[in-house]
Amino acid sequence: MLPLISVTFAVIAGVIWIIFLRPVPTQTAFGAVLEKNYKPPGEYTQVHGGTRDAFHLPTTISIAEGYVVEIKLDEEQGTVSSLLNSIEAERYEVGTRVKVEYSLRSVPMLWQKCYVHSVALAEET
């Protein structure tokens, strides 16, 4: 029974590594800003769990305002979105040409997620 449990945990750990932890290449693409939507400031309340040796109040975490920028990539690569702070978002208007660095994580034919690392004006490159 113990070897079966060990093998099961090893398989689960391997799947987690393949999906989330393995190194993937950073890709670069050019595109244009398709949409720019304001995201107002907010708050998140973190409630502490587990054993209570002392009295812990919930922690309120402030979330800054920003803009969600949707970018249409060239060459039929699709669209990506990124959350930019208000100061950085002033540089980008709808139609602005940008350079995007991103990485793709996926399970073939089941799931795909694009992680945007950076967005810069295309003229800066």
Foldseek 3Di string as FASTA:
>chain_A
DVVVVVVVVVVVVVVCCQQPNDDFDKDKFKWFWADKAKDQKDKDWADDDDDDPDDDDIDIDIGHIWIKTKTQTPDPPGIDIDTGHPVVCVVHDGGFMKMWIWTWGDDPPPDIDIGTDDIGGPVVD
